[in-house]
Amino acid sequence: MQDYRQMYQIMLTATEQAIDILTAAQMECEEIYNGNLPPELELIFLPDVHRDNND
């Protein structure tokens, strides 16, 4: 008869390791992304200029 408890422990340990690896990769990618963001744009409002239209 198989030792289901041992198989469960093996799968549980591997699952936890996979989650840790994926979490670390996600955090590393987020750091890269956040470090490469373009600077925030600043709106500059120009004064209204009225032109004479001779149409």
C-alpha atoms as a PDB file:
ATOM      1  CA  MET A   1       0.000   0.000   0.000  1.00  0.00           C
ATOM      2  CA  GLN A   2       1.271   3.457  -0.885  1.00  0.00           C
ATOM      3  CA  ASP A   3       2.221   5.920   1.793  1.00  0.00           C
ATOM      4  CA  TYR A   4      -0.232   8.705   0.925  1.00  0.00           C
ATOM      5  CA  ARG A   5       1.003  10.869   3.773  1.00  0.00           C
ATOM      6  CA  GLN A   6       4.533  10.869   2.341  1.00  0.00           C
ATOM      7  CA  MET A   7       3.239  11.628  -1.174  1.00  0.00           C
ATOM      8  CA  TYR A   8       1.108  14.475   0.194  1.00  0.00           C
ATOM      9  CA  GLN A   9       4.118  15.942   2.031  1.00  0.00           C
ATOM     10  CA  ILE A  10       6.239  15.767  -1.124  1.00  0.00           C
ATOM     11  CA  MET A  11       3.556  17.525  -3.177  1.00  0.00           C
ATOM     12  CA  LEU A  12       2.905  20.114  -0.480  1.00  0.00           C
ATOM     13  CA  THR A  13       6.608  20.948  -0.176  1.00  0.00           C
ATOM     14  CA  ALA A  14       7.021  21.234  -3.949  1.00  0.00           C
ATOM     15  CA  THR A  15       3.931  23.446  -4.196  1.00  0.00           C
ATOM     16  CA  GLU A  16       5.226  25.781  -1.502  1.00  0.00           C
ATOM     17  CA  GLN A  17       8.608  26.010  -3.247  1.00  0.00           C
ATOM     18  CA  ALA A  18       6.933  26.792  -6.576  1.00  0.00           C
ATOM     19  CA  ILE A  19       4.846  29.543  -4.992  1.00  0.00           C
ATOM     20  CA  ASP A  20       7.962  31.043  -3.405  1.00  0.00           C
ATOM     21  CA  ILE A  21       9.810  30.986  -6.739  1.00  0.00           C
ATOM     22  CA  LEU A  22       6.908  32.610  -8.593  1.00  0.00           C
ATOM     23  CA  THR A  23       6.427  35.253  -5.901  1.00  0.00           C
ATOM     24  CA  ALA A  24      10.120  36.160  -5.992  1.00  0.00           C
ATOM     25  CA  ALA A  25      10.050  36.400  -9.808  1.00  0.00           C
ATOM     26  CA  GLN A  26       6.964  38.611  -9.708  1.00  0.00           C
ATOM     27  CA  MET A  27       8.563  40.944  -7.175  1.00  0.00           C
ATOM     28  CA  GLU A  28      11.747  41.169  -9.262  1.00  0.00           C
ATOM     29  CA  CYS A  29       9.742  42.004 -12.387  1.00  0.00           C
ATOM     30  CA  GLU A  30       7.747  44.650 -10.515  1.00  0.00           C
ATOM     31  CA  GLU A  31      10.994  46.274  -9.353  1.00  0.00           C
ATOM     32  CA  ILE A  32      12.305  46.322 -12.928  1.00  0.00           C
ATOM     33  CA  TYR A  33       9.036  47.756 -14.227  1.00  0.00           C
ATOM     34  CA  ASN A  34       8.800  50.432 -11.544  1.00  0.00           C
ATOM     35  CA  GLY A  35      12.427  51.430 -12.128  1.00  0.00           C
ATOM     36  CA  ASN A  36      11.823  51.936 -15.845  1.00  0.00           C
ATOM     37  CA  LEU A  37       8.715  54.064 -15.694  1.00  0.00           C
ATOM     38  CA  PRO A  38       8.895  57.281 -17.684  1.00  0.00           C
ATOM     39  CA  PRO A  39       8.775  60.461 -15.649  1.00  0.00           C
ATOM     40  CA  GLU A  40       5.360  61.834 -14.897  1.00  0.00           C
ATOM     41  CA  LEU A  41       4.088  64.354 -17.395  1.00  0.00           C
ATOM     42  CA  GLU A  42       3.386  67.866 -16.267  1.00  0.00           C
ATOM     43  CA  LEU A  43       0.640  69.880 -17.923  1.00  0.00           C
ATOM     44  CA  ILE A  44       1.576  73.370 -19.003  1.00  0.00           C
ATOM     45  CA  PHE A  45      -1.278  75.748 -19.680  1.00  0.00           C
ATOM     46  CA  LEU A  46      -0.591  78.375 -22.313  1.00  0.00           C
ATOM     47  CA  PRO A  47      -2.390  81.687 -22.356  1.00  0.00           C
ATOM     48  CA  ASP A  48      -5.258  81.992 -24.800  1.00  0.00           C
ATOM     49  CA  VAL A  49      -4.171  83.564 -28.080  1.00  0.00           C
ATOM     50  CA  HIS A  50      -6.922  85.000 -30.254  1.00  0.00           C
ATOM     51  CA  ARG A  51      -6.171  85.219 -33.918  1.00  0.00           C
ATOM     52  CA  ASP A  52      -8.085  87.229 -36.456  1.00  0.00           C
ATOM     53  CA  ASN A  53      -9.689  84.954 -38.984  1.00  0.00           C
ATOM     54  CA  ASN A  54     -10.542  86.635 -42.274  1.00  0.00           C
ATOM     55  CA  ASP A  55     -12.660  83.764 -43.519  1.00  0.00           C
END
